[in-house]
Amino acid sequence: MCEASGGSEAHHIRQHSQYLCIPLCADCHRGSINGWHGQRRIWNVYKMDELDALNDTIRKILGG
């Protein structure tokens, strides 16, 4: 999401589905203001949902 360096946390789009998760920094994942499990402000600014973030992750992995 924010391309922060360092470790990431796995956000599961569907619980217990390991292939439907996206790597997020701690703030993008569970931050009280920007995080997916918070107010989601940064997600709203970028007009992204979980599937958009998954698509972006796959594109980056494939080098596109």
PDB file of N, CA and C in Angstrom:
ATOM      1  N   MET A   1       0.829  -1.197   0.000  1.00  0.00           N
ATOM      2  CA  MET A   1       0.000   0.000   0.000  1.00  0.00           C
ATOM      3  C   MET A   1       0.865   1.250   0.000  1.00  0.00           C
ATOM      4  N   CYS A   2       1.676   1.422   1.051  1.00  0.00           N
ATOM      5  CA  CYS A   2       2.486   2.631   1.160  1.00  0.00           C
ATOM      6  C   CYS A   2       3.937   2.389   0.764  1.00  0.00           C
ATOM      7  N   GLU A   3       4.272   1.152   0.459  1.00  0.00           N
ATOM      8  CA  GLU A   3       5.615   0.738   0.057  1.00  0.00           C
ATOM      9  C   GLU A   3       6.672   1.017   1.120  1.00  0.00           C
ATOM     10  N   ALA A   4       6.279   0.947   2.389  1.00  0.00           N
ATOM     11  CA  ALA A   4       7.235   1.095   3.488  1.00  0.00           C
ATOM     12  C   ALA A   4       8.208  -0.074   3.466  1.00  0.00           C
ATOM     13  N   SER A   5       9.460   0.215   3.787  1.00  0.00           N
ATOM     14  CA  SER A   5      10.435  -0.870   3.836  1.00  0.00           C
ATOM     15  C   SER A   5      10.340  -1.566   5.187  1.00  0.00           C
ATOM     16  N   GLY A   6      10.920  -2.735   5.253  1.00  0.00           N
ATOM     17  CA  GLY A   6      10.896  -3.485   6.508  1.00  0.00           C
ATOM     18  C   GLY A   6       9.858  -4.583   6.477  1.00  0.00           C
ATOM     19  N   GLY A   7       9.543  -5.075   7.635  1.00  0.00           N
ATOM     20  CA  GLY A   7       8.595  -6.184   7.749  1.00  0.00           C
ATOM     21  C   GLY A   7       7.177  -5.801   7.387  1.00  0.00           C
ATOM     22  N   SER A   8       6.398  -6.816   7.131  1.00  0.00           N
ATOM     23  CA  SER A   8       4.994  -6.584   6.804  1.00  0.00           C
ATOM     24  C   SER A   8       4.121  -7.571   7.571  1.00  0.00           C
ATOM     25  N   GLU A   9       2.851  -7.268   7.606  1.00  0.00           N
ATOM     26  CA  GLU A   9       1.851  -8.130   8.221  1.00  0.00           C
ATOM     27  C   GLU A   9       0.931  -8.629   7.126  1.00  0.00           C
ATOM     28  N   ALA A  10       0.443  -9.840   7.277  1.00  0.00           N
ATOM     29  CA  ALA A  10      -0.472 -10.409   6.285  1.00  0.00           C
ATOM     30  C   ALA A  10      -1.906 -10.030   6.630  1.00  0.00           C
ATOM     31  N   HIS A  11      -2.551  -9.319   5.717  1.00  0.00           N
ATOM     32  CA  HIS A  11      -3.980  -9.012   5.884  1.00  0.00           C
ATOM     33  C   HIS A  11      -4.759 -10.011   5.047  1.00  0.00           C
ATOM     34  N   HIS A  12      -5.571 -10.796   5.701  1.00  0.00           N
ATOM     35  CA  HIS A  12      -6.358 -11.823   5.007  1.00  0.00           C
ATOM     36  C   HIS A  12      -7.671 -11.228   4.515  1.00  0.00           C
ATOM     37  N   ILE A  13      -7.870 -11.275   3.220  1.00  0.00           N
ATOM     38  CA  ILE A  13      -9.119 -10.794   2.634  1.00  0.00           C
ATOM     39  C   ILE A  13     -10.257 -11.710   3.057  1.00  0.00           C
ATOM     40  N   ARG A  14      -9.994 -12.999   3.039  1.00  0.00           N
ATOM     41  CA  ARG A  14     -10.949 -13.992   3.517  1.00  0.00           C
ATOM     42  C   ARG A  14     -10.216 -14.825   4.555  1.00  0.00           C
ATOM     43  N   GLN A  15     -10.734 -14.883   5.745  1.00  0.00           N
ATOM     44  CA  GLN A  15     -10.082 -15.606   6.828  1.00  0.00           C
ATOM     45  C   GLN A  15      -9.789 -17.052   6.444  1.00  0.00           C
ATOM     46  N   HIS A  16      -8.633 -17.528   6.841  1.00  0.00           N
ATOM     47  CA  HIS A  16      -8.167 -18.893   6.619  1.00  0.00           C
ATOM     48  C   HIS A  16      -7.919 -19.219   5.149  1.00  0.00           C
ATOM     49  N   SER A  17      -7.795 -18.198   4.316  1.00  0.00           N
ATOM     50  CA  SER A  17      -7.490 -18.393   2.906  1.00  0.00           C
ATOM     51  C   SER A  17      -6.124 -17.755   2.641  1.00  0.00           C
ATOM     52  N   GLN A  18      -5.077 -18.573   2.696  1.00  0.00           N
ATOM     53  CA  GLN A  18      -3.707 -18.061   2.621  1.00  0.00           C
ATOM     54  C   GLN A  18      -3.349 -17.427   1.281  1.00  0.00           C
ATOM     55  N   TYR A  19      -4.084 -17.741   0.245  1.00  0.00           N
ATOM     56  CA  TYR A  19      -3.779 -17.171  -1.063  1.00  0.00           C
ATOM     57  C   TYR A  19      -4.518 -15.866  -1.314  1.00  0.00           C
ATOM     58  N   LEU A  20      -5.339 -15.462  -0.374  1.00  0.00           N
ATOM     59  CA  LEU A  20      -6.048 -14.191  -0.494  1.00  0.00           C
ATOM     60  C   LEU A  20      -5.626 -13.258   0.631  1.00  0.00           C
ATOM     61  N   CYS A  21      -4.324 -12.992   0.684  1.00  0.00           N
ATOM     62  CA  CYS A  21      -3.825 -12.051   1.687  1.00  0.00           C
ATOM     63  C   CYS A  21      -2.853 -11.084   1.022  1.00  0.00           C
ATOM     64  N   ILE A  22      -2.726  -9.909   1.628  1.00  0.00           N
ATOM     65  CA  ILE A  22      -1.865  -8.870   1.093  1.00  0.00           C
ATOM     66  C   ILE A  22      -0.897  -8.416   2.183  1.00  0.00           C
ATOM     67  N   PRO A  23       0.347  -8.093   1.802  1.00  0.00           N
ATOM     68  CA  PRO A  23       1.319  -7.616   2.782  1.00  0.00           C
ATOM     69  C   PRO A  23       1.115  -6.122   3.048  1.00  0.00           C
ATOM     70  N   LEU A  24       0.985  -5.779   4.315  1.00  0.00           N
ATOM     71  CA  LEU A  24       0.796  -4.383   4.699  1.00  0.00           C
ATOM     72  C   LEU A  24       1.724  -4.035   5.849  1.00  0.00           C
ATOM     73  N   CYS A  25       2.155  -2.773   5.908  1.00  0.00           N
ATOM     74  CA  CYS A  25       2.896  -2.335   7.087  1.00  0.00           C
ATOM     75  C   CYS A  25       1.899  -2.286   8.251  1.00  0.00           C
ATOM     76  N   ALA A  26       2.419  -2.178   9.460  1.00  0.00           N
ATOM     77  CA  ALA A  26       1.554  -2.188  10.648  1.00  0.00           C
ATOM     78  C   ALA A  26       0.522  -1.063  10.601  1.00  0.00           C
ATOM     79  N   ASP A  27       0.913   0.138  10.138  1.00  0.00           N
ATOM     80  CA  ASP A  27      -0.032   1.255  10.104  1.00  0.00           C
ATOM     81  C   ASP A  27      -1.130   1.046   9.073  1.00  0.00           C
ATOM     82  N   CYS A  28      -0.774   0.567   7.880  1.00  0.00           N
ATOM     83  CA  CYS A  28      -1.785   0.322   6.846  1.00  0.00           C
ATOM     84  C   CYS A  28      -2.703  -0.837   7.221  1.00  0.00           C
ATOM     85  N   HIS A  29      -2.207  -1.741   8.054  1.00  0.00           N
ATOM     86  CA  HIS A  29      -2.994  -2.900   8.445  1.00  0.00           C
ATOM     87  C   HIS A  29      -3.902  -2.612   9.630  1.00  0.00           C
ATOM     88  N   ARG A  30      -3.322  -2.172  10.734  1.00  0.00           N
ATOM     89  CA  ARG A  30      -4.125  -2.026  11.947  1.00  0.00           C
ATOM     90  C   ARG A  30      -4.006  -0.673  12.630  1.00  0.00           C
ATOM     91  N   GLY A  31      -3.510   0.326  11.900  1.00  0.00           N
ATOM     92  CA  GLY A  31      -3.443   1.680  12.448  1.00  0.00           C
ATOM     93  C   GLY A  31      -4.835   2.238  12.702  1.00  0.00           C
ATOM     94  N   SER A  32      -4.989   2.990  13.770  1.00  0.00           N
ATOM     95  CA  SER A  32      -6.325   3.469  14.153  1.00  0.00           C
ATOM     96  C   SER A  32      -6.920   4.459  13.153  1.00  0.00           C
ATOM     97  N   ILE A  33      -6.069   5.203  12.444  1.00  0.00           N
ATOM     98  CA  ILE A  33      -6.593   6.183  11.486  1.00  0.00           C
ATOM     99  C   ILE A  33      -6.509   5.666  10.052  1.00  0.00           C
ATOM    100  N   ASN A  34      -5.332   5.209   9.621  1.00  0.00           N
ATOM    101  CA  ASN A  34      -5.142   4.780   8.234  1.00  0.00           C
ATOM    102  C   ASN A  34      -5.408   3.306   8.009  1.00  0.00           C
ATOM    103  N   GLY A  35      -5.332   2.511   9.032  1.00  0.00           N
ATOM    104  CA  GLY A  35      -5.359   1.061   8.874  1.00  0.00           C
ATOM    105  C   GLY A  35      -6.677   0.475   8.414  1.00  0.00           C
ATOM    106  N   TRP A  36      -6.551  -0.687   7.776  1.00  0.00           N
ATOM    107  CA  TRP A  36      -7.739  -1.400   7.308  1.00  0.00           C
ATOM    108  C   TRP A  36      -8.670  -1.725   8.464  1.00  0.00           C
ATOM    109  N   HIS A  37      -8.095  -2.054   9.626  1.00  0.00           N
ATOM    110  CA  HIS A  37      -8.909  -2.383  10.796  1.00  0.00           C
ATOM    111  C   HIS A  37      -9.175  -1.154  11.656  1.00  0.00           C
ATOM    112  N   GLY A  38      -8.933   0.023  11.123  1.00  0.00           N
ATOM    113  CA  GLY A  38      -9.215   1.289  11.793  1.00  0.00           C
ATOM    114  C   GLY A  38     -10.216   2.087  10.974  1.00  0.00           C
ATOM    115  N   GLN A  39      -9.921   3.359  10.753  1.00  0.00           N
ATOM    116  CA  GLN A  39     -10.835   4.228  10.012  1.00  0.00           C
ATOM    117  C   GLN A  39     -10.648   4.175   8.497  1.00  0.00           C
ATOM    118  N   ARG A  40      -9.590   3.538   8.033  1.00  0.00           N
ATOM    119  CA  ARG A  40      -9.333   3.330   6.597  1.00  0.00           C
ATOM    120  C   ARG A  40      -9.173   4.626   5.804  1.00  0.00           C
ATOM    121  N   ARG A  41      -8.713   5.682   6.421  1.00  0.00           N
ATOM    122  CA  ARG A  41      -8.627   6.970   5.714  1.00  0.00           C
ATOM    123  C   ARG A  41      -7.727   6.919   4.494  1.00  0.00           C
ATOM    124  N   ILE A  42      -6.537   6.333   4.620  1.00  0.00           N
ATOM    125  CA  ILE A  42      -5.624   6.293   3.468  1.00  0.00           C
ATOM    126  C   ILE A  42      -6.205   5.437   2.342  1.00  0.00           C
ATOM    127  N   TRP A  43      -6.923   4.382   2.702  1.00  0.00           N
ATOM    128  CA  TRP A  43      -7.562   3.532   1.692  1.00  0.00           C
ATOM    129  C   TRP A  43      -8.618   4.326   0.932  1.00  0.00           C
ATOM    130  N   ASN A  44      -9.345   5.166   1.642  1.00  0.00           N
ATOM    131  CA  ASN A  44     -10.361   5.999   0.992  1.00  0.00           C
ATOM    132  C   ASN A  44      -9.731   7.061   0.100  1.00  0.00           C
ATOM    133  N   VAL A  45      -8.600   7.621   0.522  1.00  0.00           N
ATOM    134  CA  VAL A  45      -7.911   8.613  -0.303  1.00  0.00           C
ATOM    135  C   VAL A  45      -7.489   7.987  -1.628  1.00  0.00           C
ATOM    136  N   TYR A  46      -6.919   6.780  -1.559  1.00  0.00           N
ATOM    137  CA  TYR A  46      -6.476   6.087  -2.777  1.00  0.00           C
ATOM    138  C   TYR A  46      -7.619   5.391  -3.511  1.00  0.00           C
ATOM    139  N   LYS A  47      -8.805   5.409  -2.926  1.00  0.00           N
ATOM    140  CA  LYS A  47      -9.991   4.745  -3.496  1.00  0.00           C
ATOM    141  C   LYS A  47      -9.698   3.284  -3.815  1.00  0.00           C
ATOM    142  N   MET A  48      -9.115   2.601  -2.812  1.00  0.00           N
ATOM    143  CA  MET A  48      -8.743   1.190  -2.974  1.00  0.00           C
ATOM    144  C   MET A  48      -9.497   0.325  -1.975  1.00  0.00           C
ATOM    145  N   ASP A  49      -9.843  -0.869  -2.429  1.00  0.00           N
ATOM    146  CA  ASP A  49     -10.363  -1.877  -1.516  1.00  0.00           C
ATOM    147  C   ASP A  49      -9.359  -3.027  -1.465  1.00  0.00           C
ATOM    148  N   GLU A  50      -9.713  -4.086  -0.784  1.00  0.00           N
ATOM    149  CA  GLU A  50      -8.786  -5.206  -0.611  1.00  0.00           C
ATOM    150  C   GLU A  50      -8.418  -5.872  -1.934  1.00  0.00           C
ATOM    151  N   LEU A  51      -9.368  -6.016  -2.828  1.00  0.00           N
ATOM    152  CA  LEU A  51      -9.075  -6.661  -4.110  1.00  0.00           C
ATOM    153  C   LEU A  51      -8.167  -5.790  -4.971  1.00  0.00           C
ATOM    154  N   ASP A  52      -8.320  -4.478  -4.896  1.00  0.00           N
ATOM    155  CA  ASP A  52      -7.398  -3.578  -5.602  1.00  0.00           C
ATOM    156  C   ASP A  52      -5.983  -3.773  -5.077  1.00  0.00           C
ATOM    157  N   ALA A  53      -5.838  -3.866  -3.752  1.00  0.00           N
ATOM    158  CA  ALA A  53      -4.516  -4.051  -3.143  1.00  0.00           C
ATOM    159  C   ALA A  53      -3.937  -5.415  -3.507  1.00  0.00           C
ATOM    160  N   LEU A  54      -4.769  -6.453  -3.571  1.00  0.00           N
ATOM    161  CA  LEU A  54      -4.301  -7.775  -3.986  1.00  0.00           C
ATOM    162  C   LEU A  54      -3.821  -7.742  -5.431  1.00  0.00           C
ATOM    163  N   ASN A  55      -4.564  -7.096  -6.302  1.00  0.00           N
ATOM    164  CA  ASN A  55      -4.185  -6.965  -7.707  1.00  0.00           C
ATOM    165  C   ASN A  55      -2.858  -6.224  -7.835  1.00  0.00           C
ATOM    166  N   ASP A  56      -2.693  -5.160  -7.068  1.00  0.00           N
ATOM    167  CA  ASP A  56      -1.447  -4.391  -7.083  1.00  0.00           C
ATOM    168  C   ASP A  56      -0.277  -5.244  -6.596  1.00  0.00           C
ATOM    169  N   THR A  57      -0.503  -6.027  -5.557  1.00  0.00           N
ATOM    170  CA  THR A  57       0.541  -6.917  -5.022  1.00  0.00           C
ATOM    171  C   THR A  57       0.969  -7.948  -6.069  1.00  0.00           C
ATOM    172  N   ILE A  58       0.016  -8.571  -6.725  1.00  0.00           N
ATOM    173  CA  ILE A  58       0.336  -9.578  -7.747  1.00  0.00           C
ATOM    174  C   ILE A  58       1.088  -8.936  -8.903  1.00  0.00           C
ATOM    175  N   ARG A  59       0.664  -7.750  -9.309  1.00  0.00           N
ATOM    176  CA  ARG A  59       1.351  -7.042 -10.401  1.00  0.00           C
ATOM    177  C   ARG A  59       2.805  -6.760 -10.026  1.00  0.00           C
ATOM    178  N   LYS A  60       3.048  -6.344  -8.797  1.00  0.00           N
ATOM    179  CA  LYS A  60       4.410  -6.057  -8.347  1.00  0.00           C
ATOM    180  C   LYS A  60       5.247  -7.332  -8.282  1.00  0.00           C
ATOM    181  N   ILE A  61       4.659  -8.427  -7.848  1.00  0.00           N
ATOM    182  CA  ILE A  61       5.387  -9.699  -7.780  1.00  0.00           C
ATOM    183  C   ILE A  61       5.788 -10.169  -9.176  1.00  0.00           C
ATOM    184  N   LEU A  62       4.898  -9.986 -10.136  1.00  0.00           N
ATOM    185  CA  LEU A  62       5.175 -10.436 -11.502  1.00  0.00           C
ATOM    186  C   LEU A  62       6.041  -9.447 -12.283  1.00  0.00           C
ATOM    187  N   GLY A  63       6.335  -8.304 -11.669  1.00  0.00           N
ATOM    188  CA  GLY A  63       7.225  -7.331 -12.303  1.00  0.00           C
ATOM    189  C   GLY A  63       6.563  -6.436 -13.319  1.00  0.00           C
ATOM    190  N   GLY A  64       5.276  -6.254 -13.190  1.00  0.00           N
ATOM    191  CA  GLY A  64       4.565  -5.449 -14.185  1.00  0.00           C
ATOM    192  C   GLY A  64       4.202  -4.094 -13.783  1.00  0.00           C
TER     193      GLY A  64
END
